[in-house]
Amino acid sequence: MVLSKYKFPPSLTQLSLTNAELKYDPLPALEKLPHLRVLKLKQSLYSGRKLACAGFGGFLQLKILRPKSMFWVEEWTMRAGAMP
């Protein structure tokens, strides 16, 4: 599954991803969801080792970010303004 091609409903407020084994970093697609308030990222989410929050204006409504069992992450880059 390529998350950037998947059409999430724009009104989505909560999302939990686990065992998705995505090939690409899911954060660039997820940060564009305008009403996302709760994001849970769990084991075997992504086959890569790096995550990045691209920049200003993403995750505008995010209140809860819960990474769990993400021992595979070696680097998580978060640019200024990436998460209010």
PDB file of N, CA and C in Angstrom:
ATOM      1  N   MET A   1       0.846  -1.179   0.000  1.00  0.00           N
ATOM      2  CA  MET A   1       0.000   0.000   0.000  1.00  0.00           C
ATOM      3  C   MET A   1       0.888   1.237   0.000  1.00  0.00           C
ATOM      4  N   VAL A   2       0.578   2.175  -0.851  1.00  0.00           N
ATOM      5  CA  VAL A   2       1.267   3.455  -0.886  1.00  0.00           C
ATOM      6  C   VAL A   2       0.323   4.473  -0.265  1.00  0.00           C
ATOM      7  N   LEU A   3       0.675   4.912   0.921  1.00  0.00           N
ATOM      8  CA  LEU A   3      -0.222   5.763   1.703  1.00  0.00           C
ATOM      9  C   LEU A   3      -0.549   7.080   1.009  1.00  0.00           C
ATOM     10  N   SER A   4       0.395   7.646   0.282  1.00  0.00           N
ATOM     11  CA  SER A   4       0.150   8.934  -0.369  1.00  0.00           C
ATOM     12  C   SER A   4      -0.912   8.838  -1.465  1.00  0.00           C
ATOM     13  N   LYS A   5      -1.167   7.638  -1.971  1.00  0.00           N
ATOM     14  CA  LYS A   5      -2.191   7.452  -3.003  1.00  0.00           C
ATOM     15  C   LYS A   5      -3.546   7.077  -2.414  1.00  0.00           C
ATOM     16  N   TYR A   6      -3.567   6.748  -1.132  1.00  0.00           N
ATOM     17  CA  TYR A   6      -4.803   6.370  -0.464  1.00  0.00           C
ATOM     18  C   TYR A   6      -5.581   7.625  -0.113  1.00  0.00           C
ATOM     19  N   LYS A   7      -6.873   7.630  -0.361  1.00  0.00           N
ATOM     20  CA  LYS A   7      -7.714   8.799  -0.105  1.00  0.00           C
ATOM     21  C   LYS A   7      -8.407   8.670   1.242  1.00  0.00           C
ATOM     22  N   PHE A   8      -7.819   9.297   2.259  1.00  0.00           N
ATOM     23  CA  PHE A   8      -8.461   9.337   3.565  1.00  0.00           C
ATOM     24  C   PHE A   8      -9.572  10.379   3.534  1.00  0.00           C
ATOM     25  N   PRO A   9     -10.648  10.145   4.265  1.00  0.00           N
ATOM     26  CA  PRO A   9     -11.688  11.178   4.327  1.00  0.00           C
ATOM     27  C   PRO A   9     -11.113  12.424   5.005  1.00  0.00           C
ATOM     28  N   PRO A  10     -11.357  13.616   4.464  1.00  0.00           N
ATOM     29  CA  PRO A  10     -10.786  14.825   5.043  1.00  0.00           C
ATOM     30  C   PRO A  10     -11.268  15.104   6.468  1.00  0.00           C
ATOM     31  N   SER A  11     -12.378  14.503   6.867  1.00  0.00           N
ATOM     32  CA  SER A  11     -12.916  14.720   8.214  1.00  0.00           C
ATOM     33  C   SER A  11     -12.329  13.762   9.255  1.00  0.00           C
ATOM     34  N   LEU A  12     -11.391  12.898   8.848  1.00  0.00           N
ATOM     35  CA  LEU A  12     -10.792  11.912   9.742  1.00  0.00           C
ATOM     36  C   LEU A  12     -10.145  12.592  10.947  1.00  0.00           C
ATOM     37  N   THR A  13     -10.492  12.144  12.156  1.00  0.00           N
ATOM     38  CA  THR A  13      -9.945  12.754  13.374  1.00  0.00           C
ATOM     39  C   THR A  13      -9.012  11.823  14.136  1.00  0.00           C
ATOM     40  N   GLN A  14      -9.128  10.500  13.946  1.00  0.00           N
ATOM     41  CA  GLN A  14      -8.286   9.546  14.657  1.00  0.00           C
ATOM     42  C   GLN A  14      -7.807   8.473  13.694  1.00  0.00           C
ATOM     43  N   LEU A  15      -6.536   8.085  13.872  1.00  0.00           N
ATOM     44  CA  LEU A  15      -5.974   7.057  13.003  1.00  0.00           C
ATOM     45  C   LEU A  15      -4.948   6.253  13.786  1.00  0.00           C
ATOM     46  N   SER A  16      -5.038   4.939  13.664  1.00  0.00           N
ATOM     47  CA  SER A  16      -4.084   4.026  14.282  1.00  0.00           C
ATOM     48  C   SER A  16      -3.552   3.112  13.186  1.00  0.00           C
ATOM     49  N   LEU A  17      -2.235   3.086  13.033  1.00  0.00           N
ATOM     50  CA  LEU A  17      -1.611   2.245  12.015  1.00  0.00           C
ATOM     51  C   LEU A  17      -0.672   1.250  12.680  1.00  0.00           C
ATOM     52  N   THR A  18      -0.845  -0.021  12.355  1.00  0.00           N
ATOM     53  CA  THR A  18       0.027  -1.066  12.881  1.00  0.00           C
ATOM     54  C   THR A  18       0.180  -2.170  11.841  1.00  0.00           C
ATOM     55  N   ASN A  19       1.335  -2.774  11.802  1.00  0.00           N
ATOM     56  CA  ASN A  19       1.622  -3.891  10.899  1.00  0.00           C
ATOM     57  C   ASN A  19       1.291  -3.578   9.442  1.00  0.00           C
ATOM     58  N   ALA A  20       1.431  -2.342   9.040  1.00  0.00           N
ATOM     59  CA  ALA A  20       1.127  -1.951   7.667  1.00  0.00           C
ATOM     60  C   ALA A  20       2.290  -2.262   6.726  1.00  0.00           C
ATOM     61  N   GLU A  21       3.511  -2.306   7.258  1.00  0.00           N
ATOM     62  CA  GLU A  21       4.712  -2.578   6.473  1.00  0.00           C
ATOM     63  C   GLU A  21       4.780  -1.717   5.212  1.00  0.00           C
ATOM     64  N   LEU A  22       4.558  -0.417   5.403  1.00  0.00           N
ATOM     65  CA  LEU A  22       4.599   0.536   4.299  1.00  0.00           C
ATOM     66  C   LEU A  22       6.016   0.649   3.751  1.00  0.00           C
ATOM     67  N   LYS A  23       6.122   0.943   2.463  1.00  0.00           N
ATOM     68  CA  LYS A  23       7.439   1.077   1.840  1.00  0.00           C
ATOM     69  C   LYS A  23       7.962   2.504   1.917  1.00  0.00           C
ATOM     70  N   TYR A  24       7.079   3.462   2.139  1.00  0.00           N
ATOM     71  CA  TYR A  24       7.469   4.869   2.186  1.00  0.00           C
ATOM     72  C   TYR A  24       7.026   5.485   3.512  1.00  0.00           C
ATOM     73  N   ASP A  25       7.746   6.504   3.926  1.00  0.00           N
ATOM     74  CA  ASP A  25       7.432   7.238   5.142  1.00  0.00           C
ATOM     75  C   ASP A  25       5.973   7.717   5.083  1.00  0.00           C
ATOM     76  N   PRO A  26       5.141   7.352   6.051  1.00  0.00           N
ATOM     77  CA  PRO A  26       3.737   7.728   6.019  1.00  0.00           C
ATOM     78  C   PRO A  26       3.463   9.168   6.459  1.00  0.00           C
ATOM     79  N   LEU A  27       4.405   9.809   7.143  1.00  0.00           N
ATOM     80  CA  LEU A  27       4.141  11.121   7.721  1.00  0.00           C
ATOM     81  C   LEU A  27       3.841  12.223   6.703  1.00  0.00           C
ATOM     82  N   PRO A  28       4.510  12.306   5.555  1.00  0.00           N
ATOM     83  CA  PRO A  28       4.149  13.355   4.597  1.00  0.00           C
ATOM     84  C   PRO A  28       2.686  13.295   4.147  1.00  0.00           C
ATOM     85  N   ALA A  29       2.127  12.110   4.027  1.00  0.00           N
ATOM     86  CA  ALA A  29       0.712  11.979   3.649  1.00  0.00           C
ATOM     87  C   ALA A  29      -0.199  12.277   4.826  1.00  0.00           C
ATOM     88  N   LEU A  30       0.175  11.811   6.010  1.00  0.00           N
ATOM     89  CA  LEU A  30      -0.681  11.978   7.188  1.00  0.00           C
ATOM     90  C   LEU A  30      -0.733  13.410   7.688  1.00  0.00           C
ATOM     91  N   GLU A  31       0.364  14.153   7.543  1.00  0.00           N
ATOM     92  CA  GLU A  31       0.382  15.518   8.062  1.00  0.00           C
ATOM     93  C   GLU A  31      -0.565  16.444   7.304  1.00  0.00           C
ATOM     94  N   LYS A  32      -1.036  16.002   6.147  1.00  0.00           N
ATOM     95  CA  LYS A  32      -1.952  16.812   5.345  1.00  0.00           C
ATOM     96  C   LYS A  32      -3.416  16.638   5.751  1.00  0.00           C
ATOM     97  N   LEU A  33      -3.701  15.709   6.642  1.00  0.00           N
ATOM     98  CA  LEU A  33      -5.089  15.499   7.077  1.00  0.00           C
ATOM     99  C   LEU A  33      -5.480  16.653   7.998  1.00  0.00           C
ATOM    100  N   PRO A  34      -6.407  17.506   7.570  1.00  0.00           N
ATOM    101  CA  PRO A  34      -6.669  18.764   8.277  1.00  0.00           C
ATOM    102  C   PRO A  34      -7.300  18.636   9.658  1.00  0.00           C
ATOM    103  N   HIS A  35      -7.991  17.534   9.939  1.00  0.00           N
ATOM    104  CA  HIS A  35      -8.704  17.407  11.211  1.00  0.00           C
ATOM    105  C   HIS A  35      -8.153  16.296  12.108  1.00  0.00           C
ATOM    106  N   LEU A  36      -7.022  15.735  11.733  1.00  0.00           N
ATOM    107  CA  LEU A  36      -6.443  14.633  12.502  1.00  0.00           C
ATOM    108  C   LEU A  36      -6.025  15.120  13.890  1.00  0.00           C
ATOM    109  N   ARG A  37      -6.597  14.510  14.925  1.00  0.00           N
ATOM    110  CA  ARG A  37      -6.302  14.899  16.314  1.00  0.00           C
ATOM    111  C   ARG A  37      -5.518  13.835  17.064  1.00  0.00           C
ATOM    112  N   VAL A  38      -5.720  12.570  16.697  1.00  0.00           N
ATOM    113  CA  VAL A  38      -5.062  11.461  17.390  1.00  0.00           C
ATOM    114  C   VAL A  38      -4.384  10.582  16.340  1.00  0.00           C
ATOM    115  N   LEU A  39      -3.077  10.367  16.519  1.00  0.00           N
ATOM    116  CA  LEU A  39      -2.326   9.510  15.608  1.00  0.00           C
ATOM    117  C   LEU A  39      -1.532   8.511  16.427  1.00  0.00           C
ATOM    118  N   LYS A  40      -1.810   7.224  16.196  1.00  0.00           N
ATOM    119  CA  LYS A  40      -1.105   6.141  16.884  1.00  0.00           C
ATOM    120  C   LYS A  40      -0.302   5.373  15.843  1.00  0.00           C
ATOM    121  N   LEU A  41       0.993   5.309  16.058  1.00  0.00           N
ATOM    122  CA  LEU A  41       1.900   4.607  15.161  1.00  0.00           C
ATOM    123  C   LEU A  41       2.491   3.433  15.922  1.00  0.00           C
ATOM    124  N   LYS A  42       2.346   2.243  15.385  1.00  0.00           N
ATOM    125  CA  LYS A  42       2.758   1.043  16.108  1.00  0.00           C
ATOM    126  C   LYS A  42       3.719   0.191  15.298  1.00  0.00           C
ATOM    127  N   GLN A  43       4.111  -0.935  15.858  1.00  0.00           N
ATOM    128  CA  GLN A  43       5.112  -1.822  15.284  1.00  0.00           C
ATOM    129  C   GLN A  43       4.823  -2.201  13.837  1.00  0.00           C
ATOM    130  N   SER A  44       5.902  -2.444  13.117  1.00  0.00           N
ATOM    131  CA  SER A  44       5.855  -2.889  11.715  1.00  0.00           C
ATOM    132  C   SER A  44       5.043  -1.956  10.831  1.00  0.00           C
ATOM    133  N   LEU A  45       5.099  -0.684  11.123  1.00  0.00           N
ATOM    134  CA  LEU A  45       4.366   0.312  10.349  1.00  0.00           C
ATOM    135  C   LEU A  45       5.025   0.569   8.996  1.00  0.00           C
ATOM    136  N   TYR A  46       6.362   0.625   9.020  1.00  0.00           N
ATOM    137  CA  TYR A  46       7.113   1.138   7.872  1.00  0.00           C
ATOM    138  C   TYR A  46       8.425   0.383   7.776  1.00  0.00           C
ATOM    139  N   SER A  47       8.824   0.013   6.584  1.00  0.00           N
ATOM    140  CA  SER A  47      10.037  -0.780   6.416  1.00  0.00           C
ATOM    141  C   SER A  47      11.319   0.049   6.429  1.00  0.00           C
ATOM    142  N   GLY A  48      11.198   1.368   6.345  1.00  0.00           N
ATOM    143  CA  GLY A  48      12.372   2.239   6.377  1.00  0.00           C
ATOM    144  C   GLY A  48      12.849   2.477   7.803  1.00  0.00           C
ATOM    145  N   ARG A  49      13.883   3.271   7.950  1.00  0.00           N
ATOM    146  CA  ARG A  49      14.465   3.560   9.260  1.00  0.00           C
ATOM    147  C   ARG A  49      14.350   5.037   9.644  1.00  0.00           C
ATOM    148  N   LYS A  50      13.862   5.877   8.702  1.00  0.00           N
ATOM    149  CA  LYS A  50      13.790   7.314   8.960  1.00  0.00           C
ATOM    150  C   LYS A  50      12.375   7.826   8.753  1.00  0.00           C
ATOM    151  N   LEU A  51      11.965   8.734   9.618  1.00  0.00           N
ATOM    152  CA  LEU A  51      10.683   9.413   9.496  1.00  0.00           C
ATOM    153  C   LEU A  51      10.947  10.911   9.432  1.00  0.00           C
ATOM    154  N   ALA A  52      10.085  11.650   8.743  1.00  0.00           N
ATOM    155  CA  ALA A  52      10.270  13.095   8.638  1.00  0.00           C
ATOM    156  C   ALA A  52       8.936  13.811   8.595  1.00  0.00           C
ATOM    157  N   CYS A  53       8.835  14.861   9.400  1.00  0.00           N
ATOM    158  CA  CYS A  53       7.701  15.782   9.333  1.00  0.00           C
ATOM    159  C   CYS A  53       8.213  16.964   8.521  1.00  0.00           C
ATOM    160  N   ALA A  54       7.685  17.101   7.330  1.00  0.00           N
ATOM    161  CA  ALA A  54       8.265  17.974   6.318  1.00  0.00           C
ATOM    162  C   ALA A  54       8.314  19.452   6.682  1.00  0.00           C
ATOM    163  N   GLY A  55       7.268  19.982   7.226  1.00  0.00           N
ATOM    164  CA  GLY A  55       7.388  21.413   7.472  1.00  0.00           C
ATOM    165  C   GLY A  55       6.149  22.086   7.985  1.00  0.00           C
ATOM    166  N   PHE A  56       6.175  23.377   7.865  1.00  0.00           N
ATOM    167  CA  PHE A  56       5.143  24.243   8.419  1.00  0.00           C
ATOM    168  C   PHE A  56       3.767  23.934   7.847  1.00  0.00           C
ATOM    169  N   GLY A  57       2.770  23.893   8.724  1.00  0.00           N
ATOM    170  CA  GLY A  57       1.398  23.722   8.281  1.00  0.00           C
ATOM    171  C   GLY A  57       0.863  22.305   8.349  1.00  0.00           C
ATOM    172  N   GLY A  58       1.646  21.364   8.803  1.00  0.00           N
ATOM    173  CA  GLY A  58       1.181  19.995   8.921  1.00  0.00           C
ATOM    174  C   GLY A  58       0.655  19.701  10.315  1.00  0.00           C
ATOM    175  N   PHE A  59      -0.175  18.692  10.406  1.00  0.00           N
ATOM    176  CA  PHE A  59      -0.733  18.252  11.694  1.00  0.00           C
ATOM    177  C   PHE A  59      -1.326  19.417  12.486  1.00  0.00           C
ATOM    178  N   LEU A  60      -2.146  20.215  11.841  1.00  0.00           N
ATOM    179  CA  LEU A  60      -2.684  21.429  12.463  1.00  0.00           C
ATOM    180  C   LEU A  60      -3.523  21.173  13.709  1.00  0.00           C
ATOM    181  N   GLN A  61      -4.246  20.067  13.757  1.00  0.00           N
ATOM    182  CA  GLN A  61      -5.143  19.784  14.879  1.00  0.00           C
ATOM    183  C   GLN A  61      -4.622  18.696  15.812  1.00  0.00           C
ATOM    184  N   LEU A  62      -3.442  18.150  15.536  1.00  0.00           N
ATOM    185  CA  LEU A  62      -2.945  16.998  16.290  1.00  0.00           C
ATOM    186  C   LEU A  62      -2.757  17.330  17.770  1.00  0.00           C
ATOM    187  N   LYS A  63      -3.399  16.541  18.618  1.00  0.00           N
ATOM    188  CA  LYS A  63      -3.304  16.699  20.075  1.00  0.00           C
ATOM    189  C   LYS A  63      -2.559  15.535  20.708  1.00  0.00           C
ATOM    190  N   ILE A  64      -2.706  14.346  20.114  1.00  0.00           N
ATOM    191  CA  ILE A  64      -2.082  13.146  20.678  1.00  0.00           C
ATOM    192  C   ILE A  64      -1.294  12.428  19.587  1.00  0.00           C
ATOM    193  N   LEU A  65      -0.008  12.236  19.857  1.00  0.00           N
ATOM    194  CA  LEU A  65       0.854  11.430  18.996  1.00  0.00           C
ATOM    195  C   LEU A  65       1.391  10.318  19.878  1.00  0.00           C
ATOM    196  N   ARG A  66       1.042   9.087  19.554  1.00  0.00           N
ATOM    197  CA  ARG A  66       1.440   7.959  20.396  1.00  0.00           C
ATOM    198  C   ARG A  66       2.237   6.954  19.573  1.00  0.00           C
ATOM    199  N   PRO A  67       3.567   7.084  19.568  1.00  0.00           N
ATOM    200  CA  PRO A  67       4.384   6.052  18.931  1.00  0.00           C
ATOM    201  C   PRO A  67       4.566   4.892  19.905  1.00  0.00           C
ATOM    202  N   LYS A  68       4.422   3.679  19.432  1.00  0.00           N
ATOM    203  CA  LYS A  68       4.526   2.516  20.303  1.00  0.00           C
ATOM    204  C   LYS A  68       5.306   1.410  19.598  1.00  0.00           C
ATOM    205  N   SER A  69       6.252   0.829  20.299  1.00  0.00           N
ATOM    206  CA  SER A  69       7.058  -0.288  19.769  1.00  0.00           C
ATOM    207  C   SER A  69       7.680   0.058  18.427  1.00  0.00           C
ATOM    208  N   MET A  70       8.208   1.254  18.338  1.00  0.00           N
ATOM    209  CA  MET A  70       8.829   1.703  17.089  1.00  0.00           C
ATOM    210  C   MET A  70      10.347   1.656  17.213  1.00  0.00           C
ATOM    211  N   PHE A  71      10.864   0.515  17.622  1.00  0.00           N
ATOM    212  CA  PHE A  71      12.292   0.342  17.817  1.00  0.00           C
ATOM    213  C   PHE A  71      13.064   0.409  16.506  1.00  0.00           C
ATOM    214  N   TRP A  72      12.384   0.267  15.405  1.00  0.00           N
ATOM    215  CA  TRP A  72      12.993   0.294  14.086  1.00  0.00           C
ATOM    216  C   TRP A  72      13.405   1.697  13.655  1.00  0.00           C
ATOM    217  N   VAL A  73      12.875   2.733  14.291  1.00  0.00           N
ATOM    218  CA  VAL A  73      13.186   4.110  13.913  1.00  0.00           C
ATOM    219  C   VAL A  73      14.596   4.472  14.384  1.00  0.00           C
ATOM    220  N   GLU A  74      15.424   4.888  13.447  1.00  0.00           N
ATOM    221  CA  GLU A  74      16.777   5.329  13.776  1.00  0.00           C
ATOM    222  C   GLU A  74      16.862   6.857  13.781  1.00  0.00           C
ATOM    223  N   GLU A  75      16.022   7.493  12.974  1.00  0.00           N
ATOM    224  CA  GLU A  75      16.063   8.950  12.867  1.00  0.00           C
ATOM    225  C   GLU A  75      14.655   9.488  12.608  1.00  0.00           C
ATOM    226  N   TRP A  76      14.271  10.504  13.364  1.00  0.00           N
ATOM    227  CA  TRP A  76      12.975  11.157  13.165  1.00  0.00           C
ATOM    228  C   TRP A  76      13.252  12.647  13.081  1.00  0.00           C
ATOM    229  N   THR A  77      13.121  13.208  11.891  1.00  0.00           N
ATOM    230  CA  THR A  77      13.392  14.620  11.647  1.00  0.00           C
ATOM    231  C   THR A  77      12.087  15.391  11.721  1.00  0.00           C
ATOM    232  N   MET A  78      12.109  16.462  12.489  1.00  0.00           N
ATOM    233  CA  MET A  78      10.932  17.305  12.612  1.00  0.00           C
ATOM    234  C   MET A  78      11.376  18.753  12.403  1.00  0.00           C
ATOM    235  N   ARG A  79      11.001  19.321  11.287  1.00  0.00           N
ATOM    236  CA  ARG A  79      11.403  20.698  10.980  1.00  0.00           C
ATOM    237  C   ARG A  79      10.573  21.683  11.782  1.00  0.00           C
ATOM    238  N   ALA A  80      11.075  22.868  11.928  1.00  0.00           N
ATOM    239  CA  ALA A  80      10.387  23.913  12.692  1.00  0.00           C
ATOM    240  C   ALA A  80       8.975  24.121  12.138  1.00  0.00           C
ATOM    241  N   GLY A  81       7.998  24.157  13.033  1.00  0.00           N
ATOM    242  CA  GLY A  81       6.613  24.370  12.643  1.00  0.00           C
ATOM    243  C   GLY A  81       5.907  23.125  12.134  1.00  0.00           C
ATOM    244  N   ALA A  82       6.569  21.985  12.182  1.00  0.00           N
ATOM    245  CA  ALA A  82       5.980  20.761  11.643  1.00  0.00           C
ATOM    246  C   ALA A  82       4.795  20.275  12.463  1.00  0.00           C
ATOM    247  N   MET A  83       4.841  20.492  13.756  1.00  0.00           N
ATOM    248  CA  MET A  83       3.723  20.128  14.642  1.00  0.00           C
ATOM    249  C   MET A  83       3.521  21.264  15.630  1.00  0.00           C
ATOM    250  N   PRO A  84       2.329  21.866  15.590  1.00  0.00           N
ATOM    251  CA  PRO A  84       2.082  22.970  16.544  1.00  0.00           C
ATOM    252  C   PRO A  84       2.199  22.520  17.989  1.00  0.00           C
TER     253      PRO A  84
END
